[in-house]
Amino acid sequence: AITVGTEGSGLAATRSLAALGSVVRPLAAAD
């Protein structure tokens, strides 16, 4: 909701989730 801002479409939400995924996905990697 914060990162979508005024672009309240499903594609904007998908983009925001992809951005979040780029941060949390590496957590699954070995230390």
All heavy atoms as atom14 arrays in JSON, in Angstrom:
{
  "sequence": "AITVGTEGSGLAATRSLAALGSVVRPLAAAD",
  "atom14_mask": [
    [1, 1, 1, 1, 1, 0, 0, 0, 0, 0, 0, 0, 0, 0],
    [1, 1, 1, 1, 1, 1, 1, 1, 0, 0, 0, 0, 0, 0],
    [1, 1, 1, 1, 1, 1, 1, 0, 0, 0, 0, 0, 0, 0],
    [1, 1, 1, 1, 1, 1, 1, 0, 0, 0, 0, 0, 0, 0],
    [1, 1, 1, 1, 0, 0, 0, 0, 0, 0, 0, 0, 0, 0],
    [1, 1, 1, 1, 1, 1, 1, 0, 0, 0, 0, 0, 0, 0],
    [1, 1, 1, 1, 1, 1, 1, 1, 1, 0, 0, 0, 0, 0],
    [1, 1, 1, 1, 0, 0, 0, 0, 0, 0, 0, 0, 0, 0],
    [1, 1, 1, 1, 1, 1, 0, 0, 0, 0, 0, 0, 0, 0],
    [1, 1, 1, 1, 0, 0, 0, 0, 0, 0, 0, 0, 0, 0],
    [1, 1, 1, 1, 1, 1, 1, 1, 0, 0, 0, 0, 0, 0],
    [1, 1, 1, 1, 1, 0, 0, 0, 0, 0, 0, 0, 0, 0],
    [1, 1, 1, 1, 1, 0, 0, 0, 0, 0, 0, 0, 0, 0],
    [1, 1, 1, 1, 1, 1, 1, 0, 0, 0, 0, 0, 0, 0],
    [1, 1, 1, 1, 1, 1, 1, 1, 1, 1, 1, 0, 0, 0],
    [1, 1, 1, 1, 1, 1, 0, 0, 0, 0, 0, 0, 0, 0],
    [1, 1, 1, 1, 1, 1, 1, 1, 0, 0, 0, 0, 0, 0],
    [1, 1, 1, 1, 1, 0, 0, 0, 0, 0, 0, 0, 0, 0],
    [1, 1, 1, 1, 1, 0, 0, 0, 0, 0, 0, 0, 0, 0],
    [1, 1, 1, 1, 1, 1, 1, 1, 0, 0, 0, 0, 0, 0],
    [1, 1, 1, 1, 0, 0, 0, 0, 0, 0, 0, 0, 0, 0],
    [1, 1, 1, 1, 1, 1, 0, 0, 0, 0, 0, 0, 0, 0],
    [1, 1, 1, 1, 1, 1, 1, 0, 0, 0, 0, 0, 0, 0],
    [1, 1, 1, 1, 1, 1, 1, 0, 0, 0, 0, 0, 0, 0],
    [1, 1, 1, 1, 1, 1, 1, 1, 1, 1, 1, 0, 0, 0],
    [1, 1, 1, 1, 1, 1, 1, 0, 0, 0, 0, 0, 0, 0],
    [1, 1, 1, 1, 1, 1, 1, 1, 0, 0, 0, 0, 0, 0],
    [1, 1, 1, 1, 1, 0, 0, 0, 0, 0, 0, 0, 0, 0],
    [1, 1, 1, 1, 1, 0, 0, 0, 0, 0, 0, 0, 0, 0],
    [1, 1, 1, 1, 1, 0, 0, 0, 0, 0, 0, 0, 0, 0],
    [1, 1, 1, 1, 1, 1, 1, 1, 0, 0, 0, 0, 0, 0]
  ],
  "atom14_positions": [
    [[0.82, -1.21, 0.0], [0.0, 0.0, 0.0], [0.86, 1.26, 0.0], [0.54, 2.24, -0.67], [-0.93, -0.01, 1.21], [0.0, 0.0, 0.0], [0.0, 0.0, 0.0], [0.0, 0.0, 0.0], [0.0, 0.0, 0.0], [0.0, 0.0, 0.0], [0.0, 0.0, 0.0], [0.0, 0.0, 0.0], [0.0, 0.0, 0.0], [0.0, 0.0, 0.0]],
    [[1.96, 1.23, 0.73], [2.86, 2.38, 0.79], [3.54, 2.61, -0.55], [3.61, 3.73, -1.06], [3.92, 2.2, 1.89], [3.27, 2.26, 3.27], [5.02, 3.26, 1.79], [4.19, 1.86, 4.41], [0.0, 0.0, 0.0], [0.0, 0.0, 0.0], [0.0, 0.0, 0.0], [0.0, 0.0, 0.0], [0.0, 0.0, 0.0], [0.0, 0.0, 0.0]],
    [[4.05, 1.55, -1.16], [4.86, 1.71, -2.37], [4.04, 1.81, -3.64], [4.52, 2.34, -4.65], [5.87, 0.54, -2.49], [5.16, -0.71, -2.38], [6.91, 0.62, -1.4], [0.0, 0.0, 0.0], [0.0, 0.0, 0.0], [0.0, 0.0, 0.0], [0.0, 0.0, 0.0], [0.0, 0.0, 0.0], [0.0, 0.0, 0.0], [0.0, 0.0, 0.0]],
    [[2.81, 1.34, -3.62], [1.93, 1.5, -4.78], [1.54, 2.95, -4.94], [1.48, 3.48, -6.05], [0.69, 0.61, -4.66], [-0.41, 1.07, -5.59], [1.04, -0.84, -4.96], [0.0, 0.0, 0.0], [0.0, 0.0, 0.0], [0.0, 0.0, 0.0], [0.0, 0.0, 0.0], [0.0, 0.0, 0.0], [0.0, 0.0, 0.0], [0.0, 0.0, 0.0]],
    [[1.29, 3.62, -3.84], [0.91, 5.03, -3.9], [-0.4, 5.23, -4.63], [-1.39, 4.55, -4.36], [0.0, 0.0, 0.0], [0.0, 0.0, 0.0], [0.0, 0.0, 0.0], [0.0, 0.0, 0.0], [0.0, 0.0, 0.0], [0.0, 0.0, 0.0], [0.0, 0.0, 0.0], [0.0, 0.0, 0.0], [0.0, 0.0, 0.0], [0.0, 0.0, 0.0]],
    [[-0.4, 6.13, -5.59], [-1.63, 6.45, -6.32], [-1.9, 5.48, -7.46], [-2.97, 5.52, -8.07], [-1.55, 7.87, -6.9], [-0.41, 7.97, -7.75], [-1.44, 8.89, -5.78], [0.0, 0.0, 0.0], [0.0, 0.0, 0.0], [0.0, 0.0, 0.0], [0.0, 0.0, 0.0], [0.0, 0.0, 0.0], [0.0, 0.0, 0.0], [0.0, 0.0, 0.0]],
    [[-0.93, 4.6, -7.76], [-1.12, 3.63, -8.84], [-1.77, 2.37, -8.28], [-1.12, 1.34, -8.11], [0.21, 3.3, -9.5], [0.87, 4.5, -10.18], [2.2, 4.12, -10.78], [3.13, 3.85, -10.01], [2.31, 4.1, -12.01], [0.0, 0.0, 0.0], [0.0, 0.0, 0.0], [0.0, 0.0, 0.0], [0.0, 0.0, 0.0], [0.0, 0.0, 0.0]],
    [[-3.04, 2.45, -8.0], [-3.7, 1.36, -7.29], [-4.15, 0.22, -8.17], [-5.26, -0.29, -8.01], [0.0, 0.0, 0.0], [0.0, 0.0, 0.0], [0.0, 0.0, 0.0], [0.0, 0.0, 0.0], [0.0, 0.0, 0.0], [0.0, 0.0, 0.0], [0.0, 0.0, 0.0], [0.0, 0.0, 0.0], [0.0, 0.0, 0.0], [0.0, 0.0, 0.0]],
    [[-3.34, -0.21, -9.11], [-3.7, -1.31, -9.98], [-3.06, -2.61, -9.49], [-2.13, -2.6, -8.68], [-3.25, -1.03, -11.41], [-1.84, -1.08, -11.49], [0.0, 0.0, 0.0], [0.0, 0.0, 0.0], [0.0, 0.0, 0.0], [0.0, 0.0, 0.0], [0.0, 0.0, 0.0], [0.0, 0.0, 0.0], [0.0, 0.0, 0.0], [0.0, 0.0, 0.0]],
    [[-3.57, -3.72, -10.05], [-2.97, -5.0, -9.71], [-1.53, -5.1, -10.16], [-0.7, -5.72, -9.5], [0.0, 0.0, 0.0], [0.0, 0.0, 0.0], [0.0, 0.0, 0.0], [0.0, 0.0, 0.0], [0.0, 0.0, 0.0], [0.0, 0.0, 0.0], [0.0, 0.0, 0.0], [0.0, 0.0, 0.0], [0.0, 0.0, 0.0], [0.0, 0.0, 0.0]],
    [[-1.22, -4.49, -11.3], [0.16, -4.53, -11.79], [1.09, -3.74, -10.87], [2.24, -4.14, -10.65], [0.23, -3.97, -13.21], [-0.34, -4.87, -14.31], [-0.33, -4.14, -15.65], [0.44, -6.18, -14.4], [0.0, 0.0, 0.0], [0.0, 0.0, 0.0], [0.0, 0.0, 0.0], [0.0, 0.0, 0.0], [0.0, 0.0, 0.0], [0.0, 0.0, 0.0]],
    [[0.6, -2.63, -10.33], [1.42, -1.84, -9.4], [1.69, -2.64, -8.13], [2.78, -2.62, -7.58], [0.73, -0.52, -9.07], [0.0, 0.0, 0.0], [0.0, 0.0, 0.0], [0.0, 0.0, 0.0], [0.0, 0.0, 0.0], [0.0, 0.0, 0.0], [0.0, 0.0, 0.0], [0.0, 0.0, 0.0], [0.0, 0.0, 0.0], [0.0, 0.0, 0.0]],
    [[0.67, -3.37, -7.67], [0.86, -4.21, -6.49], [1.84, -5.34, -6.77], [2.68, -5.68, -5.93], [-0.49, -4.78, -6.04], [0.0, 0.0, 0.0], [0.0, 0.0, 0.0], [0.0, 0.0, 0.0], [0.0, 0.0, 0.0], [0.0, 0.0, 0.0], [0.0, 0.0, 0.0], [0.0, 0.0, 0.0], [0.0, 0.0, 0.0], [0.0, 0.0, 0.0]],
    [[1.75, -5.9, -7.97], [2.7, -6.96, -8.36], [4.12, -6.44, -8.36], [5.05, -7.1, -7.9], [2.33, -7.5, -9.75], [1.01, -8.04, -9.72], [3.31, -8.59, -10.19], [0.0, 0.0, 0.0], [0.0, 0.0, 0.0], [0.0, 0.0, 0.0], [0.0, 0.0, 0.0], [0.0, 0.0, 0.0], [0.0, 0.0, 0.0], [0.0, 0.0, 0.0]],
    [[4.29, -5.23, -8.89], [5.62, -4.62, -8.91], [6.15, -4.42, -7.5], [7.32, -4.67, -7.21], [5.55, -3.28, -9.66], [6.88, -2.57, -9.8], [6.74, -1.28, -10.59], [5.82, -0.36, -9.92], [5.41, 0.79, -10.48], [5.81, 1.13, -11.68], [4.6, 1.58, -9.82], [0.0, 0.0, 0.0], [0.0, 0.0, 0.0], [0.0, 0.0, 0.0]],
    [[5.3, -3.96, -6.58], [5.72, -3.75, -5.2], [6.12, -5.05, -4.52], [7.1, -5.12, -3.79], [4.6, -3.07, -4.4], [4.39, -1.75, -4.84], [0.0, 0.0, 0.0], [0.0, 0.0, 0.0], [0.0, 0.0, 0.0], [0.0, 0.0, 0.0], [0.0, 0.0, 0.0], [0.0, 0.0, 0.0], [0.0, 0.0, 0.0], [0.0, 0.0, 0.0]],
    [[5.35, -6.11, -4.77], [5.68, -7.41, -4.2], [6.99, -7.95, -4.79], [7.77, -8.6, -4.08], [4.54, -8.41, -4.45], [3.29, -8.18, -3.6], [2.15, -9.07, -4.08], [3.58, -8.46, -2.11], [0.0, 0.0, 0.0], [0.0, 0.0, 0.0], [0.0, 0.0, 0.0], [0.0, 0.0, 0.0], [0.0, 0.0, 0.0], [0.0, 0.0, 0.0]],
    [[7.23, -7.68, -6.07], [8.5, -8.09, -6.69], [9.67, -7.36, -6.05], [10.74, -7.94, -5.82], [8.46, -7.83, -8.19], [0.0, 0.0, 0.0], [0.0, 0.0, 0.0], [0.0, 0.0, 0.0], [0.0, 0.0, 0.0], [0.0, 0.0, 0.0], [0.0, 0.0, 0.0], [0.0, 0.0, 0.0], [0.0, 0.0, 0.0], [0.0, 0.0, 0.0]],
    [[9.47, -6.07, -5.74], [10.52, -5.3, -5.07], [10.8, -5.88, -3.68], [11.96, -6.05, -3.28], [10.11, -3.84, -4.96], [0.0, 0.0, 0.0], [0.0, 0.0, 0.0], [0.0, 0.0, 0.0], [0.0, 0.0, 0.0], [0.0, 0.0, 0.0], [0.0, 0.0, 0.0], [0.0, 0.0, 0.0], [0.0, 0.0, 0.0], [0.0, 0.0, 0.0]],
    [[9.73, -6.2, -2.96], [9.91, -6.8, -1.63], [10.59, -8.16, -1.74], [11.46, -8.5, -0.93], [8.55, -6.93, -0.95], [8.54, -7.48, 0.47], [9.37, -6.61, 1.41], [7.11, -7.62, 0.99], [0.0, 0.0, 0.0], [0.0, 0.0, 0.0], [0.0, 0.0, 0.0], [0.0, 0.0, 0.0], [0.0, 0.0, 0.0], [0.0, 0.0, 0.0]],
    [[10.22, -8.91, -2.76], [10.84, -10.22, -2.96], [12.33, -10.14, -3.22], [13.09, -11.02, -2.82], [0.0, 0.0, 0.0], [0.0, 0.0, 0.0], [0.0, 0.0, 0.0], [0.0, 0.0, 0.0], [0.0, 0.0, 0.0], [0.0, 0.0, 0.0], [0.0, 0.0, 0.0], [0.0, 0.0, 0.0], [0.0, 0.0, 0.0], [0.0, 0.0, 0.0]],
    [[12.76, -9.06, -3.89], [14.2, -8.92, -4.17], [14.99, -8.7, -2.88], [16.2, -8.93, -2.85], [14.44, -7.76, -5.14], [14.17, -6.51, -4.53], [0.0, 0.0, 0.0], [0.0, 0.0, 0.0], [0.0, 0.0, 0.0], [0.0, 0.0, 0.0], [0.0, 0.0, 0.0], [0.0, 0.0, 0.0], [0.0, 0.0, 0.0], [0.0, 0.0, 0.0]],
    [[14.29, -8.27, -1.83], [14.95, -8.08, -0.53], [14.92, -9.37, 0.28], [15.93, -9.78, 0.86], [14.29, -6.94, 0.25], [14.85, -6.86, 1.68], [14.47, -5.61, -0.47], [0.0, 0.0, 0.0], [0.0, 0.0, 0.0], [0.0, 0.0, 0.0], [0.0, 0.0, 0.0], [0.0, 0.0, 0.0], [0.0, 0.0, 0.0], [0.0, 0.0, 0.0]],
    [[13.76, -10.03, 0.35], [13.61, -11.16, 1.27], [14.04, -12.49, 0.66], [14.4, -13.41, 1.39], [12.17, -11.26, 1.8], [11.78, -9.99, 2.54], [11.18, -11.55, 0.69], [0.0, 0.0, 0.0], [0.0, 0.0, 0.0], [0.0, 0.0, 0.0], [0.0, 0.0, 0.0], [0.0, 0.0, 0.0], [0.0, 0.0, 0.0], [0.0, 0.0, 0.0]],
    [[14.0, -12.62, -0.68], [14.36, -13.91, -1.27], [15.79, -14.33, -0.94], [16.02, -15.52, -0.67], [14.15, -13.85, -2.8], [14.44, -15.18, -3.5], [13.51, -16.28, -3.01], [13.79, -17.57, -3.62], [14.7, -18.43, -3.17], [15.45, -18.1, -2.12], [14.87, -19.59, -3.76], [0.0, 0.0, 0.0], [0.0, 0.0, 0.0], [0.0, 0.0, 0.0]],
    [[16.78, -13.43, -0.93], [18.14, -13.86, -0.57], [18.26, -14.41, 0.85], [19.27, -15.04, 1.18], [18.96, -12.57, -0.73], [18.22, -11.78, -1.75], [16.77, -12.04, -1.44], [0.0, 0.0, 0.0], [0.0, 0.0, 0.0], [0.0, 0.0, 0.0], [0.0, 0.0, 0.0], [0.0, 0.0, 0.0], [0.0, 0.0, 0.0], [0.0, 0.0, 0.0]],
    [[17.25, -14.18, 1.7], [17.3, -14.74, 3.04], [17.33, -16.26, 3.03], [17.8, -16.89, 3.98], [16.07, -14.28, 3.85], [16.03, -12.81, 4.25], [14.64, -12.43, 4.74], [17.06, -12.5, 5.32], [0.0, 0.0, 0.0], [0.0, 0.0, 0.0], [0.0, 0.0, 0.0], [0.0, 0.0, 0.0], [0.0, 0.0, 0.0], [0.0, 0.0, 0.0]],
    [[16.82, -16.85, 1.95], [16.8, -18.3, 1.86], [18.17, -18.89, 1.54], [18.39, -20.09, 1.68], [15.8, -18.75, 0.8], [0.0, 0.0, 0.0], [0.0, 0.0, 0.0], [0.0, 0.0, 0.0], [0.0, 0.0, 0.0], [0.0, 0.0, 0.0], [0.0, 0.0, 0.0], [0.0, 0.0, 0.0], [0.0, 0.0, 0.0], [0.0, 0.0, 0.0]],
    [[19.09, -18.03, 1.12], [20.43, -18.51, 0.74], [21.25, -18.84, 1.98], [20.97, -18.36, 3.09], [21.15, -17.45, -0.09], [0.0, 0.0, 0.0], [0.0, 0.0, 0.0], [0.0, 0.0, 0.0], [0.0, 0.0, 0.0], [0.0, 0.0, 0.0], [0.0, 0.0, 0.0], [0.0, 0.0, 0.0], [0.0, 0.0, 0.0], [0.0, 0.0, 0.0]],
    [[22.26, -19.65, 1.78], [23.17, -19.98, 2.89], [23.88, -18.72, 3.36], [24.13, -17.79, 2.58], [24.19, -21.01, 2.42], [0.0, 0.0, 0.0], [0.0, 0.0, 0.0], [0.0, 0.0, 0.0], [0.0, 0.0, 0.0], [0.0, 0.0, 0.0], [0.0, 0.0, 0.0], [0.0, 0.0, 0.0], [0.0, 0.0, 0.0], [0.0, 0.0, 0.0]],
    [[24.21, -18.68, 4.63], [24.85, -17.5, 5.22], [26.16, -17.16, 4.53], [26.52, -15.98, 4.43], [25.09, -17.72, 6.72], [23.8, -17.71, 7.51], [22.75, -17.35, 6.94], [23.84, -18.07, 8.71], [0.0, 0.0, 0.0], [0.0, 0.0, 0.0], [0.0, 0.0, 0.0], [0.0, 0.0, 0.0], [0.0, 0.0, 0.0], [0.0, 0.0, 0.0]]
  ]
}
